């Protein structure tokens, strides 16, 4: 069996990976197998195993095992979502883009048109020229930047084939 096969076999061994202690033992045995294959010299191998034991005792190996388990779980979720025929899961980025476009349209076009209409009505009613309404460019720039970023993400996803 190859080193990769040993790693995958050790990490996916049923009951051993079910508990944190079992997962640590599985990872530890996999790492020992890797150490034996990388360092054929018994002295260097003993040094590497000693370093592994120090990691186990310091809790660093447990933290790394937990992180690896979390990453593996996220990979599984990503696989399930990618295989899903659910339109919501596969099209959330375009939906976020349309929400942004709607917000941009409303905050610039509709609100500004209403403000301008009210301003004109007040000018006519009072018979004098009042200060005109200002377009809130801060919000527009924030929304537009977000939309451009989402567009770039979407384009990259299409180029790499990660989008449906």
N, C-alpha and C. Protein backbone atom coordinates (compact mmCIF):
# COMPACT_ATOMS: atom_id res chain seq x y z
N UNK A 1 0.85 -1.18 0.00
CA UNK A 1 0.00 0.00 0.00
C UNK A 1 0.89 1.24 0.00
N UNK A 2 0.47 2.29 -0.66
CA UNK A 2 1.25 3.52 -0.75
C UNK A 2 1.09 4.35 0.52
N UNK A 3 1.91 5.39 0.63
CA UNK A 3 1.81 6.28 1.78
C UNK A 3 0.44 6.95 1.80
N UNK A 4 -0.02 7.39 0.64
CA UNK A 4 -1.34 8.03 0.56
C UNK A 4 -2.42 7.04 0.96
N UNK A 5 -2.31 5.81 0.52
CA UNK A 5 -3.27 4.78 0.91
C UNK A 5 -3.27 4.54 2.40
N UNK A 6 -2.07 4.55 3.01
CA UNK A 6 -1.99 4.39 4.46
C UNK A 6 -2.66 5.55 5.18
N UNK A 7 -2.43 6.76 4.67
CA UNK A 7 -3.02 7.95 5.30
C UNK A 7 -4.53 7.89 5.23
N UNK A 8 -5.05 7.65 4.02
CA UNK A 8 -6.51 7.61 3.84
C UNK A 8 -7.09 6.46 4.63
N UNK A 9 -6.45 5.31 4.60
CA UNK A 9 -6.94 4.16 5.35
C UNK A 9 -6.94 4.42 6.84
N UNK A 10 -5.89 5.07 7.34
CA UNK A 10 -5.80 5.37 8.76
C UNK A 10 -6.82 6.40 9.20
N UNK A 11 -7.07 7.40 8.36
CA UNK A 11 -7.99 8.47 8.75
C UNK A 11 -9.44 8.06 8.62
N UNK A 12 -9.72 7.13 7.72
CA UNK A 12 -11.12 6.75 7.49
C UNK A 12 -11.48 5.44 8.16
N UNK A 13 -10.62 4.93 9.02
CA UNK A 13 -10.95 3.68 9.70
C UNK A 13 -12.10 3.92 10.65
N UNK A 14 -13.19 3.21 10.45
CA UNK A 14 -14.47 3.35 11.11
C UNK A 14 -14.48 3.81 12.54
N UNK A 15 -14.41 2.90 13.51
CA UNK A 15 -14.57 3.26 14.92
C UNK A 15 -13.40 4.05 15.46
N UNK A 16 -12.23 3.88 14.86
CA UNK A 16 -11.06 4.60 15.36
C UNK A 16 -11.22 6.09 15.22
N UNK A 17 -11.89 6.53 14.16
CA UNK A 17 -12.07 7.95 13.95
C UNK A 17 -13.29 8.52 14.62
N UNK A 18 -14.08 7.66 15.31
CA UNK A 18 -15.33 8.12 15.89
C UNK A 18 -15.12 8.95 17.15
N UNK A 19 -14.05 8.71 17.89
CA UNK A 19 -13.79 9.47 19.11
C UNK A 19 -12.51 10.27 18.93
N UNK A 20 -12.34 11.35 19.69
CA UNK A 20 -11.10 12.11 19.58
C UNK A 20 -9.87 11.27 19.89
N UNK A 21 -9.97 10.42 20.91
CA UNK A 21 -8.82 9.57 21.25
C UNK A 21 -8.53 8.60 20.12
N UNK A 22 -9.59 8.01 19.56
CA UNK A 22 -9.40 7.09 18.43
C UNK A 22 -8.83 7.80 17.23
N UNK A 23 -9.27 9.03 17.00
CA UNK A 23 -8.74 9.79 15.86
C UNK A 23 -7.28 10.13 16.07
N UNK A 24 -6.92 10.48 17.30
CA UNK A 24 -5.52 10.79 17.60
C UNK A 24 -4.67 9.54 17.40
N UNK A 25 -5.16 8.40 17.86
CA UNK A 25 -4.43 7.15 17.68
C UNK A 25 -4.27 6.82 16.21
N UNK A 26 -5.35 7.03 15.43
CA UNK A 26 -5.28 6.74 14.00
C UNK A 26 -4.28 7.65 13.31
N UNK A 27 -4.33 8.94 13.63
CA UNK A 27 -3.39 9.88 13.02
C UNK A 27 -1.97 9.55 13.45
N UNK A 28 -1.81 9.21 14.72
CA UNK A 28 -0.49 8.88 15.24
C UNK A 28 0.09 7.68 14.52
N UNK A 29 -0.73 6.64 14.30
CA UNK A 29 -0.24 5.46 13.60
C UNK A 29 0.08 5.76 12.15
N UNK A 30 -0.71 6.62 11.53
CA UNK A 30 -0.45 7.00 10.14
C UNK A 30 0.87 7.77 10.05
N UNK A 31 1.06 8.70 10.98
CA UNK A 31 2.29 9.48 10.99
C UNK A 31 3.49 8.58 11.24
N UNK A 32 3.34 7.60 12.13
CA UNK A 32 4.44 6.67 12.37
C UNK A 32 4.77 5.87 11.11
N UNK A 33 3.75 5.48 10.36
CA UNK A 33 3.99 4.77 9.10
C UNK A 33 4.74 5.66 8.12
N UNK A 34 4.35 6.92 8.06
CA UNK A 34 5.04 7.86 7.17
C UNK A 34 6.49 8.05 7.62
N UNK A 35 6.69 8.17 8.93
CA UNK A 35 8.04 8.35 9.47
C UNK A 35 8.91 7.16 9.10
N UNK A 36 8.37 5.95 9.23
CA UNK A 36 9.14 4.75 8.90
C UNK A 36 9.52 4.71 7.43
N UNK A 37 8.65 5.21 6.56
CA UNK A 37 8.95 5.18 5.13
C UNK A 37 9.91 6.30 4.72
N UNK A 38 9.83 7.44 5.38
CA UNK A 38 10.68 8.57 5.00
C UNK A 38 12.09 8.42 5.56
N UNK A 39 12.19 7.98 6.84
CA UNK A 39 13.50 7.87 7.48
C UNK A 39 13.85 6.40 7.71
N UNK A 40 14.61 5.81 6.81
CA UNK A 40 14.99 4.41 7.01
C UNK A 40 16.05 4.25 8.11
N UNK A 41 16.80 5.31 8.41
CA UNK A 41 17.82 5.26 9.45
C UNK A 41 17.13 5.20 10.82
N UNK A 42 17.43 4.18 11.64
CA UNK A 42 16.75 4.03 12.94
C UNK A 42 16.95 5.22 13.89
N UNK A 43 18.09 5.88 13.84
CA UNK A 43 18.34 7.02 14.72
C UNK A 43 17.44 8.19 14.36
N UNK A 44 17.37 8.51 13.07
CA UNK A 44 16.51 9.61 12.62
C UNK A 44 15.04 9.27 12.84
N UNK A 45 14.70 8.01 12.63
CA UNK A 45 13.33 7.58 12.84
C UNK A 45 12.94 7.75 14.31
N UNK A 46 13.84 7.42 15.21
CA UNK A 46 13.57 7.58 16.64
C UNK A 46 13.39 9.05 17.00
N UNK A 47 14.20 9.93 16.40
CA UNK A 47 14.05 11.37 16.64
C UNK A 47 12.68 11.86 16.17
N UNK A 48 12.26 11.42 14.98
CA UNK A 48 10.96 11.84 14.44
C UNK A 48 9.82 11.33 15.30
N UNK A 49 9.93 10.07 15.78
CA UNK A 49 8.88 9.52 16.65
C UNK A 49 8.84 10.26 17.99
N UNK A 50 10.00 10.66 18.50
CA UNK A 50 10.04 11.43 19.72
C UNK A 50 9.34 12.78 19.54
N UNK A 51 9.59 13.42 18.40
CA UNK A 51 8.92 14.69 18.10
C UNK A 51 7.41 14.50 18.02
N UNK A 52 6.99 13.37 17.44
CA UNK A 52 5.56 13.06 17.37
C UNK A 52 4.96 12.89 18.76
N UNK A 53 5.65 12.19 19.63
CA UNK A 53 5.17 11.99 21.00
C UNK A 53 5.07 13.34 21.75
N UNK A 54 6.04 14.22 21.50
CA UNK A 54 5.99 15.54 22.14
C UNK A 54 4.78 16.33 21.65
N UNK A 55 4.47 16.20 20.36
CA UNK A 55 3.28 16.86 19.83
C UNK A 55 2.01 16.31 20.48
N UNK A 56 1.96 14.99 20.63
CA UNK A 56 0.80 14.38 21.26
C UNK A 56 0.62 14.90 22.69
N UNK A 57 1.71 14.99 23.42
CA UNK A 57 1.62 15.41 24.80
C UNK A 57 1.27 16.89 24.93
N UNK A 58 1.70 17.70 24.01
CA UNK A 58 1.42 19.13 24.10
C UNK A 58 0.00 19.48 23.65
N UNK A 59 -0.70 18.53 23.07
CA UNK A 59 -2.06 18.79 22.62
C UNK A 59 -2.14 19.33 21.20
N UNK A 60 -1.00 19.61 20.61
CA UNK A 60 -0.99 20.14 19.25
C UNK A 60 -1.54 19.13 18.26
N UNK A 61 -1.20 17.86 18.48
CA UNK A 61 -1.71 16.82 17.58
C UNK A 61 -3.22 16.72 17.68
N UNK A 62 -3.76 16.87 18.87
CA UNK A 62 -5.22 16.82 19.03
C UNK A 62 -5.87 17.99 18.29
N UNK A 63 -5.28 19.17 18.39
CA UNK A 63 -5.83 20.34 17.69
C UNK A 63 -5.78 20.11 16.19
N UNK A 64 -4.66 19.59 15.71
CA UNK A 64 -4.53 19.32 14.28
C UNK A 64 -5.52 18.26 13.81
N UNK A 65 -5.76 17.26 14.65
CA UNK A 65 -6.73 16.21 14.32
C UNK A 65 -8.13 16.79 14.23
N UNK A 66 -8.47 17.64 15.17
CA UNK A 66 -9.80 18.26 15.16
C UNK A 66 -9.97 19.14 13.92
N UNK A 67 -8.94 19.92 13.61
CA UNK A 67 -9.01 20.77 12.41
C UNK A 67 -9.15 19.93 11.15
N UNK A 68 -8.41 18.82 11.08
CA UNK A 68 -8.52 17.95 9.91
C UNK A 68 -9.92 17.36 9.80
N UNK A 69 -10.51 16.99 10.94
CA UNK A 69 -11.87 16.47 10.94
C UNK A 69 -12.89 17.50 10.49
N UNK A 70 -12.71 18.74 10.93
CA UNK A 70 -13.61 19.82 10.50
C UNK A 70 -13.49 20.06 9.00
N UNK A 71 -12.27 20.08 8.50
CA UNK A 71 -12.06 20.28 7.07
C UNK A 71 -12.67 19.14 6.27
N UNK A 72 -12.50 17.91 6.75
CA UNK A 72 -13.08 16.76 6.06
C UNK A 72 -14.60 16.87 6.03
N UNK A 73 -15.19 17.29 7.15
CA UNK A 73 -16.64 17.47 7.19
C UNK A 73 -17.11 18.52 6.20
N UNK A 74 -16.37 19.64 6.09
CA UNK A 74 -16.74 20.68 5.15
C UNK A 74 -16.63 20.19 3.71
N UNK A 75 -15.62 19.38 3.44
CA UNK A 75 -15.46 18.81 2.09
C UNK A 75 -16.67 17.94 1.75
N UNK A 76 -17.12 17.15 2.72
CA UNK A 76 -18.29 16.30 2.48
C UNK A 76 -19.54 17.14 2.21
N UNK A 77 -19.72 18.22 2.97
CA UNK A 77 -20.87 19.11 2.75
C UNK A 77 -20.78 19.73 1.35
N UNK A 78 -19.59 20.16 0.96
CA UNK A 78 -19.41 20.75 -0.37
C UNK A 78 -19.74 19.74 -1.47
N UNK A 79 -19.35 18.48 -1.29
CA UNK A 79 -19.65 17.45 -2.28
C UNK A 79 -21.16 17.24 -2.40
N UNK A 80 -21.84 17.20 -1.25
CA UNK A 80 -23.29 16.99 -1.26
C UNK A 80 -23.99 18.17 -1.94
N UNK A 81 -23.57 19.39 -1.61
CA UNK A 81 -24.18 20.57 -2.24
C UNK A 81 -23.90 20.60 -3.74
N UNK A 82 -22.70 20.21 -4.16
CA UNK A 82 -22.37 20.23 -5.58
C UNK A 82 -23.18 19.19 -6.35
N UNK A 83 -23.47 18.06 -5.72
CA UNK A 83 -24.24 17.01 -6.39
C UNK A 83 -25.75 17.28 -6.34
N UNK A 84 -26.16 18.22 -5.52
CA UNK A 84 -27.58 18.51 -5.36
C UNK A 84 -28.15 19.18 -6.59
N UNK A 85 -29.39 18.84 -6.90
CA UNK A 85 -30.10 19.49 -7.99
C UNK A 85 -30.88 20.71 -7.52
N UNK A 86 -30.71 21.07 -6.26
CA UNK A 86 -31.42 22.19 -5.66
C UNK A 86 -30.98 23.50 -6.31
N UNK A 87 -31.92 24.23 -6.86
CA UNK A 87 -31.61 25.49 -7.53
C UNK A 87 -31.13 26.56 -6.56
N UNK A 88 -31.62 26.54 -5.32
CA UNK A 88 -31.22 27.55 -4.35
C UNK A 88 -29.74 27.38 -3.99
N UNK A 89 -29.33 26.13 -3.75
CA UNK A 89 -27.94 25.88 -3.37
C UNK A 89 -26.98 26.20 -4.49
N UNK A 90 -27.39 25.98 -5.72
CA UNK A 90 -26.48 26.19 -6.84
C UNK A 90 -26.53 27.61 -7.40
N UNK A 91 -27.50 28.38 -7.00
CA UNK A 91 -27.64 29.71 -7.59
C UNK A 91 -27.70 30.82 -6.56
N UNK A 92 -27.07 30.65 -5.43
CA UNK A 92 -27.13 31.69 -4.40
C UNK A 92 -26.34 32.91 -4.80
N UNK A 93 -25.22 32.75 -5.52
CA UNK A 93 -24.44 33.92 -5.92
C UNK A 93 -25.20 34.80 -6.90
N UNK A 94 -25.82 34.22 -7.93
CA UNK A 94 -26.63 35.09 -8.80
C UNK A 94 -27.78 35.76 -8.06
N UNK A 95 -28.37 35.04 -7.12
CA UNK A 95 -29.46 35.64 -6.35
C UNK A 95 -28.95 36.82 -5.53
N UNK A 96 -27.77 36.66 -4.94
CA UNK A 96 -27.18 37.77 -4.18
C UNK A 96 -26.89 38.94 -5.11
N UNK A 97 -26.48 38.64 -6.32
CA UNK A 97 -26.24 39.69 -7.31
C UNK A 97 -27.52 40.44 -7.65
N UNK A 98 -28.62 39.72 -7.84
CA UNK A 98 -29.88 40.37 -8.17
C UNK A 98 -30.41 41.20 -7.01
N UNK A 99 -30.20 40.73 -5.79
CA UNK A 99 -30.59 41.52 -4.62
C UNK A 99 -29.79 42.82 -4.61
N UNK A 100 -28.49 42.73 -4.90
CA UNK A 100 -27.66 43.93 -4.96
C UNK A 100 -28.09 44.88 -6.06
N UNK A 101 -28.42 44.34 -7.22
CA UNK A 101 -28.88 45.17 -8.33
C UNK A 101 -30.20 45.85 -7.96
N UNK A 102 -31.09 45.10 -7.32
CA UNK A 102 -32.37 45.69 -6.89
C UNK A 102 -32.14 46.81 -5.88
N UNK A 103 -31.24 46.58 -4.93
CA UNK A 103 -30.94 47.61 -3.93
C UNK A 103 -30.32 48.83 -4.59
N UNK A 104 -29.43 48.61 -5.54
CA UNK A 104 -28.82 49.74 -6.25
C UNK A 104 -29.87 50.52 -7.03
N UNK A 105 -30.75 49.81 -7.74
CA UNK A 105 -31.81 50.47 -8.50
C UNK A 105 -32.72 51.27 -7.57
N UNK A 106 -33.14 50.65 -6.47
CA UNK A 106 -34.05 51.32 -5.56
C UNK A 106 -33.40 52.55 -4.93
N UNK A 107 -32.15 52.38 -4.42
CA UNK A 107 -31.51 53.48 -3.69
C UNK A 107 -31.11 54.62 -4.60
N UNK A 108 -30.87 54.35 -5.85
CA UNK A 108 -30.47 55.45 -6.75
C UNK A 108 -31.65 55.97 -7.55
N UNK A 109 -32.29 55.10 -8.26
CA UNK A 109 -33.33 55.55 -9.20
C UNK A 109 -34.63 55.91 -8.50
N UNK A 110 -35.21 54.99 -7.76
CA UNK A 110 -36.53 55.20 -7.18
C UNK A 110 -36.49 56.29 -6.10
N UNK A 111 -35.57 56.14 -5.14
CA UNK A 111 -35.51 57.10 -4.04
C UNK A 111 -35.16 58.49 -4.57
N UNK A 112 -34.19 58.57 -5.48
CA UNK A 112 -33.80 59.86 -6.01
C UNK A 112 -34.93 60.49 -6.84
N UNK A 113 -35.67 59.66 -7.56
CA UNK A 113 -36.80 60.19 -8.34
C UNK A 113 -37.88 60.74 -7.42
N UNK A 114 -38.17 60.05 -6.32
CA UNK A 114 -39.18 60.52 -5.37
C UNK A 114 -38.70 61.81 -4.70
N UNK A 115 -37.43 61.85 -4.29
CA UNK A 115 -36.88 63.05 -3.66
C UNK A 115 -36.92 64.23 -4.62
N UNK A 116 -36.61 63.98 -5.89
CA UNK A 116 -36.64 65.05 -6.88
C UNK A 116 -38.07 65.54 -7.10
N UNK A 117 -39.03 64.61 -7.14
CA UNK A 117 -40.44 64.99 -7.29
C UNK A 117 -40.92 65.84 -6.13
N UNK A 118 -40.56 65.45 -4.91
CA UNK A 118 -40.94 66.22 -3.73
C UNK A 118 -40.26 67.59 -3.77
N UNK A 119 -39.01 67.63 -4.16
CA UNK A 119 -38.26 68.89 -4.26
C UNK A 119 -38.93 69.83 -5.27
N UNK A 120 -39.30 69.30 -6.45
CA UNK A 120 -39.97 70.13 -7.46
C UNK A 120 -41.31 70.65 -6.94
N UNK A 121 -42.07 69.78 -6.26
CA UNK A 121 -43.37 70.19 -5.74
C UNK A 121 -43.18 71.31 -4.69
N UNK A 122 -42.16 71.19 -3.82
CA UNK A 122 -41.92 72.22 -2.81
C UNK A 122 -41.46 73.53 -3.46
N UNK A 123 -40.63 73.41 -4.52
CA UNK A 123 -40.17 74.62 -5.23
C UNK A 123 -41.36 75.35 -5.86
N UNK A 124 -42.23 74.60 -6.48
CA UNK A 124 -43.40 75.22 -7.12
C UNK A 124 -44.34 75.78 -6.06
N UNK A 125 -44.55 75.05 -4.98
CA UNK A 125 -45.46 75.48 -3.93
C UNK A 125 -44.96 76.76 -3.24
N UNK A 126 -43.65 76.84 -2.99
CA UNK A 126 -43.11 77.99 -2.29
C UNK A 126 -42.69 79.10 -3.25
N UNK A 127 -42.61 78.81 -4.52
CA UNK A 127 -42.24 79.82 -5.50
C UNK A 127 -40.78 80.22 -5.45
N UNK A 128 -39.95 79.41 -4.88
CA UNK A 128 -38.52 79.70 -4.79
C UNK A 128 -37.72 78.43 -5.04
N UNK A 129 -36.46 78.60 -5.40
CA UNK A 129 -35.59 77.47 -5.67
C UNK A 129 -34.94 77.01 -4.37
N UNK A 130 -35.21 75.78 -3.98
CA UNK A 130 -34.65 75.18 -2.77
C UNK A 130 -33.42 74.34 -3.14
N UNK A 131 -32.57 74.01 -2.16
CA UNK A 131 -31.43 73.14 -2.46
C UNK A 131 -31.92 71.79 -2.99
N UNK A 132 -31.30 71.31 -4.05
CA UNK A 132 -31.72 70.05 -4.67
C UNK A 132 -31.27 68.85 -3.83
N UNK A 133 -31.99 67.75 -3.94
CA UNK A 133 -31.60 66.55 -3.19
C UNK A 133 -30.27 66.00 -3.71
N UNK A 134 -29.50 65.42 -2.79
CA UNK A 134 -28.20 64.86 -3.17
C UNK A 134 -28.30 63.34 -3.27
N UNK A 135 -27.59 62.84 -4.23
CA UNK A 135 -27.51 61.39 -4.41
C UNK A 135 -26.49 60.86 -3.39
N UNK A 136 -26.88 59.85 -2.64
CA UNK A 136 -26.01 59.27 -1.62
C UNK A 136 -24.96 58.37 -2.28
N UNK A 137 -23.85 58.97 -2.66
CA UNK A 137 -22.83 58.23 -3.41
C UNK A 137 -22.10 57.20 -2.56
N UNK A 138 -22.05 57.38 -1.26
CA UNK A 138 -21.37 56.41 -0.39
C UNK A 138 -22.05 55.04 -0.48
N UNK A 139 -23.37 55.03 -0.38
CA UNK A 139 -24.11 53.78 -0.48
C UNK A 139 -23.99 53.19 -1.88
N UNK A 140 -24.06 54.04 -2.88
CA UNK A 140 -23.97 53.57 -4.27
C UNK A 140 -22.62 52.91 -4.52
N UNK A 141 -21.55 53.53 -4.05
CA UNK A 141 -20.21 52.96 -4.25
C UNK A 141 -20.08 51.63 -3.51
N UNK A 142 -20.61 51.54 -2.31
CA UNK A 142 -20.54 50.29 -1.54
C UNK A 142 -21.29 49.17 -2.25
N UNK A 143 -22.49 49.47 -2.71
CA UNK A 143 -23.29 48.45 -3.40
C UNK A 143 -22.64 48.07 -4.72
N UNK A 144 -22.17 49.07 -5.47
CA UNK A 144 -21.55 48.80 -6.76
C UNK A 144 -20.27 47.98 -6.60
N UNK A 145 -19.48 48.28 -5.59
CA UNK A 145 -18.25 47.50 -5.34
C UNK A 145 -18.59 46.05 -5.01
N UNK A 146 -19.62 45.85 -4.21
CA UNK A 146 -20.04 44.50 -3.88
C UNK A 146 -20.51 43.76 -5.12
N UNK A 147 -21.28 44.43 -5.95
CA UNK A 147 -21.76 43.79 -7.18
C UNK A 147 -20.60 43.42 -8.10
N UNK A 148 -19.63 44.30 -8.22
CA UNK A 148 -18.48 43.99 -9.06
C UNK A 148 -17.69 42.81 -8.51
N UNK A 149 -17.56 42.76 -7.19
CA UNK A 149 -16.87 41.63 -6.57
C UNK A 149 -17.62 40.33 -6.79
N UNK A 150 -18.94 40.36 -6.63
CA UNK A 150 -19.74 39.16 -6.88
C UNK A 150 -19.65 38.73 -8.33
N UNK A 151 -19.63 39.71 -9.23
CA UNK A 151 -19.48 39.39 -10.65
C UNK A 151 -18.15 38.73 -10.94
N UNK A 152 -17.10 39.20 -10.30
CA UNK A 152 -15.78 38.61 -10.49
C UNK A 152 -15.74 37.19 -9.94
N UNK A 153 -16.35 36.98 -8.78
CA UNK A 153 -16.40 35.64 -8.19
C UNK A 153 -17.17 34.70 -9.11
N UNK A 154 -18.29 35.17 -9.62
CA UNK A 154 -19.12 34.35 -10.50
C UNK A 154 -18.38 34.00 -11.79
N UNK A 155 -17.69 34.98 -12.36
CA UNK A 155 -16.94 34.74 -13.59
C UNK A 155 -15.83 33.72 -13.35
N UNK A 156 -15.13 33.84 -12.23
CA UNK A 156 -14.06 32.89 -11.91
C UNK A 156 -14.62 31.49 -11.71
N UNK A 157 -15.78 31.39 -11.08
CA UNK A 157 -16.42 30.09 -10.88
C UNK A 157 -16.79 29.46 -12.20
N UNK A 158 -17.27 30.26 -13.13
CA UNK A 158 -17.62 29.73 -14.46
C UNK A 158 -16.38 29.28 -15.22
N UNK A 159 -15.28 30.06 -15.10
CA UNK A 159 -14.06 29.70 -15.81
C UNK A 159 -13.45 28.41 -15.29
N UNK A 160 -13.52 28.20 -13.99
CA UNK A 160 -12.92 26.99 -13.40
C UNK A 160 -13.86 25.81 -13.42
N UNK A 161 -15.13 26.03 -13.78
CA UNK A 161 -16.08 24.95 -13.86
C UNK A 161 -16.67 24.54 -12.53
N UNK A 162 -16.54 25.37 -11.52
CA UNK A 162 -17.11 25.05 -10.21
C UNK A 162 -18.54 25.52 -10.08
N UNK A 163 -19.06 26.15 -11.11
CA UNK A 163 -20.43 26.66 -11.09
C UNK A 163 -21.31 25.76 -11.94
N UNK A 164 -22.59 25.71 -11.61
CA UNK A 164 -23.51 24.91 -12.40
C UNK A 164 -24.15 25.74 -13.47
